[in-house]
Amino acid sequence: MKRIVLVVGITLSVASGALAQGCSVCTKTAQGLDDKSAKGLNGGILYLALLPLAIMGTVGYMWLRSKNSN
């Protein structure tokens, strides 16, 4: 178990630089937009994030439920 946590921790720490690249692009894009377009961009980001978060939440709930039923 400790090995898995270590591997995941190292992977996330190495990948964090690559994952943060999108933030600067979105910030520069949003700075050039008017208020209505910036709200639309934020809504699109939330819309795209909804499906993966729903999948992770469902899998986590099912895992927790099966773990507690044993």
N, C-alpha and C. Protein backbone atom coordinates (compact mmCIF):
# COMPACT_ATOMS: atom_id res chain seq x y z
N MET A 1 0.83 -1.20 0.00
CA MET A 1 0.00 0.00 0.00
C MET A 1 0.87 1.25 0.00
N LYS A 2 1.93 1.24 0.80
CA LYS A 2 2.80 2.40 0.86
C LYS A 2 3.48 2.65 -0.48
N ARG A 3 3.78 1.56 -1.19
CA ARG A 3 4.43 1.69 -2.48
C ARG A 3 3.50 2.36 -3.50
N ILE A 4 2.22 1.99 -3.46
CA ILE A 4 1.25 2.59 -4.38
C ILE A 4 1.11 4.08 -4.09
N VAL A 5 1.03 4.44 -2.83
CA VAL A 5 0.90 5.85 -2.45
C VAL A 5 2.15 6.61 -2.89
N LEU A 6 3.31 6.01 -2.74
CA LEU A 6 4.55 6.66 -3.14
C LEU A 6 4.59 6.87 -4.65
N VAL A 7 4.22 5.85 -5.41
CA VAL A 7 4.23 5.97 -6.88
C VAL A 7 3.24 7.03 -7.34
N VAL A 8 2.05 7.04 -6.76
CA VAL A 8 1.05 8.05 -7.14
C VAL A 8 1.54 9.44 -6.76
N GLY A 9 2.13 9.60 -5.60
CA GLY A 9 2.65 10.89 -5.17
C GLY A 9 3.75 11.41 -6.08
N ILE A 10 4.66 10.53 -6.46
CA ILE A 10 5.74 10.94 -7.36
C ILE A 10 5.18 11.30 -8.74
N THR A 11 4.25 10.50 -9.22
CA THR A 11 3.65 10.77 -10.53
C THR A 11 2.95 12.12 -10.54
N LEU A 12 2.18 12.40 -9.51
CA LEU A 12 1.46 13.68 -9.46
C LEU A 12 2.41 14.86 -9.30
N SER A 13 3.48 14.69 -8.55
CA SER A 13 4.42 15.80 -8.38
C SER A 13 5.19 16.08 -9.66
N VAL A 14 5.50 15.05 -10.44
CA VAL A 14 6.21 15.25 -11.70
C VAL A 14 5.27 15.84 -12.74
N ALA A 15 4.03 15.38 -12.77
CA ALA A 15 3.08 15.81 -13.79
C ALA A 15 2.46 17.17 -13.49
N SER A 16 2.64 17.70 -12.29
CA SER A 16 1.96 18.94 -11.94
C SER A 16 2.41 20.11 -12.81
N GLY A 17 3.66 20.14 -13.23
CA GLY A 17 4.12 21.20 -14.11
C GLY A 17 3.46 21.15 -15.47
N ALA A 18 3.27 19.96 -15.99
CA ALA A 18 2.63 19.81 -17.29
C ALA A 18 1.13 20.10 -17.21
N LEU A 19 0.51 19.78 -16.10
CA LEU A 19 -0.92 20.00 -15.95
C LEU A 19 -1.27 21.47 -15.72
N ALA A 20 -0.34 22.25 -15.21
CA ALA A 20 -0.61 23.66 -14.91
C ALA A 20 -0.52 24.55 -16.14
N GLN A 21 -0.11 24.02 -17.28
CA GLN A 21 0.05 24.83 -18.48
C GLN A 21 -1.26 25.43 -18.96
N GLY A 22 -2.35 24.70 -18.81
CA GLY A 22 -3.64 25.18 -19.29
C GLY A 22 -4.12 26.41 -18.55
N CYS A 23 -3.73 26.58 -17.31
CA CYS A 23 -4.21 27.71 -16.52
C CYS A 23 -3.76 29.04 -17.11
N SER A 24 -2.51 29.13 -17.53
CA SER A 24 -2.02 30.39 -18.09
C SER A 24 -2.69 30.70 -19.43
N VAL A 25 -2.97 29.66 -20.20
CA VAL A 25 -3.64 29.86 -21.49
C VAL A 25 -5.06 30.38 -21.26
N CYS A 26 -5.78 29.77 -20.33
CA CYS A 26 -7.15 30.22 -20.05
C CYS A 26 -7.15 31.64 -19.49
N THR A 27 -6.17 31.96 -18.65
CA THR A 27 -6.10 33.30 -18.07
C THR A 27 -5.86 34.35 -19.14
N LYS A 28 -4.92 34.10 -20.03
CA LYS A 28 -4.65 35.07 -21.09
C LYS A 28 -5.82 35.20 -22.05
N THR A 29 -6.50 34.10 -22.31
CA THR A 29 -7.67 34.14 -23.19
C THR A 29 -8.79 34.93 -22.52
N ALA A 30 -9.02 34.67 -21.26
CA ALA A 30 -10.11 35.34 -20.54
C ALA A 30 -9.84 36.83 -20.36
N GLN A 31 -8.56 37.23 -20.27
CA GLN A 31 -8.26 38.65 -20.11
C GLN A 31 -8.64 39.46 -21.34
N GLY A 32 -8.61 38.83 -22.50
CA GLY A 32 -8.95 39.53 -23.73
C GLY A 32 -10.43 39.52 -24.06
N LEU A 33 -11.24 38.87 -23.24
CA LEU A 33 -12.67 38.75 -23.52
C LEU A 33 -13.48 39.77 -22.74
N ASP A 34 -14.67 40.06 -23.24
CA ASP A 34 -15.57 40.90 -22.46
C ASP A 34 -16.24 40.07 -21.37
N ASP A 35 -17.08 40.68 -20.57
CA ASP A 35 -17.69 40.01 -19.41
C ASP A 35 -18.55 38.82 -19.80
N LYS A 36 -19.37 38.99 -20.83
CA LYS A 36 -20.28 37.93 -21.24
C LYS A 36 -19.51 36.73 -21.79
N SER A 37 -18.49 36.98 -22.58
CA SER A 37 -17.69 35.88 -23.14
C SER A 37 -16.88 35.17 -22.06
N ALA A 38 -16.39 35.91 -21.08
CA ALA A 38 -15.63 35.29 -19.98
C ALA A 38 -16.54 34.38 -19.16
N LYS A 39 -17.78 34.80 -18.94
CA LYS A 39 -18.72 33.93 -18.22
C LYS A 39 -19.03 32.68 -19.02
N GLY A 40 -19.12 32.83 -20.34
CA GLY A 40 -19.34 31.68 -21.21
C GLY A 40 -18.16 30.70 -21.16
N LEU A 41 -16.93 31.23 -21.13
CA LEU A 41 -15.74 30.39 -21.02
C LEU A 41 -15.74 29.63 -19.70
N ASN A 42 -16.07 30.32 -18.61
CA ASN A 42 -16.13 29.67 -17.31
C ASN A 42 -17.20 28.60 -17.27
N GLY A 43 -18.35 28.87 -17.88
CA GLY A 43 -19.42 27.88 -17.94
C GLY A 43 -19.00 26.66 -18.74
N GLY A 44 -18.27 26.87 -19.83
CA GLY A 44 -17.78 25.76 -20.64
C GLY A 44 -16.79 24.89 -19.89
N ILE A 45 -15.93 25.53 -19.11
CA ILE A 45 -14.96 24.79 -18.30
C ILE A 45 -15.68 23.93 -17.27
N LEU A 46 -16.67 24.50 -16.62
CA LEU A 46 -17.43 23.74 -15.63
C LEU A 46 -18.21 22.60 -16.28
N TYR A 47 -18.75 22.85 -17.46
CA TYR A 47 -19.49 21.82 -18.19
C TYR A 47 -18.58 20.65 -18.55
N LEU A 48 -17.38 20.95 -19.00
CA LEU A 48 -16.43 19.90 -19.36
C LEU A 48 -15.92 19.14 -18.13
N ALA A 49 -15.88 19.79 -16.98
CA ALA A 49 -15.40 19.14 -15.77
C ALA A 49 -16.48 18.29 -15.11
N LEU A 50 -17.73 18.51 -15.45
CA LEU A 50 -18.83 17.83 -14.78
C LEU A 50 -18.83 16.32 -15.01
N LEU A 51 -18.64 15.87 -16.23
CA LEU A 51 -18.69 14.44 -16.53
C LEU A 51 -17.58 13.65 -15.82
N PRO A 52 -16.32 14.06 -15.90
CA PRO A 52 -15.30 13.29 -15.16
C PRO A 52 -15.52 13.29 -13.65
N LEU A 53 -15.97 14.41 -13.11
CA LEU A 53 -16.23 14.46 -11.67
C LEU A 53 -17.40 13.56 -11.29
N ALA A 54 -18.42 13.50 -12.14
CA ALA A 54 -19.56 12.63 -11.87
C ALA A 54 -19.14 11.16 -11.94
N ILE A 55 -18.30 10.82 -12.90
CA ILE A 55 -17.82 9.44 -13.02
C ILE A 55 -16.99 9.07 -11.80
N MET A 56 -16.06 9.94 -11.40
CA MET A 56 -15.23 9.65 -10.23
C MET A 56 -16.07 9.54 -8.97
N GLY A 57 -17.07 10.40 -8.83
CA GLY A 57 -17.94 10.34 -7.66
C GLY A 57 -18.76 9.06 -7.62
N THR A 58 -19.26 8.64 -8.77
CA THR A 58 -20.05 7.41 -8.83
C THR A 58 -19.19 6.19 -8.50
N VAL A 59 -18.00 6.13 -9.09
CA VAL A 59 -17.09 5.01 -8.81
C VAL A 59 -16.69 5.01 -7.34
N GLY A 60 -16.40 6.17 -6.79
CA GLY A 60 -16.03 6.27 -5.37
C GLY A 60 -17.17 5.85 -4.46
N TYR A 61 -18.38 6.26 -4.80
CA TYR A 61 -19.54 5.87 -4.00
C TYR A 61 -19.77 4.37 -4.05
N MET A 62 -19.67 3.79 -5.26
CA MET A 62 -19.87 2.35 -5.39
C MET A 62 -18.78 1.58 -4.65
N TRP A 63 -17.56 2.06 -4.71
CA TRP A 63 -16.45 1.41 -4.00
C TRP A 63 -16.67 1.49 -2.49
N LEU A 64 -17.05 2.65 -2.00
CA LEU A 64 -17.27 2.82 -0.57
C LEU A 64 -18.44 1.96 -0.08
N ARG A 65 -19.51 1.92 -0.88
CA ARG A 65 -20.67 1.11 -0.52
C ARG A 65 -20.33 -0.39 -0.48
N SER A 66 -19.54 -0.85 -1.46
CA SER A 66 -19.18 -2.27 -1.47
C SER A 66 -18.19 -2.59 -0.35
N LYS A 67 -17.34 -1.64 -0.02
CA LYS A 67 -16.38 -1.84 1.07
C LYS A 67 -17.09 -1.93 2.43
N ASN A 68 -18.10 -1.11 2.63
CA ASN A 68 -18.83 -1.10 3.90
C ASN A 68 -19.81 -2.27 4.04
N SER A 69 -20.23 -2.86 2.93
CA SER A 69 -21.20 -3.94 3.02
C SER A 69 -20.56 -5.26 3.45
N ASN A 70 -19.24 -5.36 3.31
CA ASN A 70 -18.54 -6.61 3.71
C ASN A 70 -18.33 -6.65 5.17
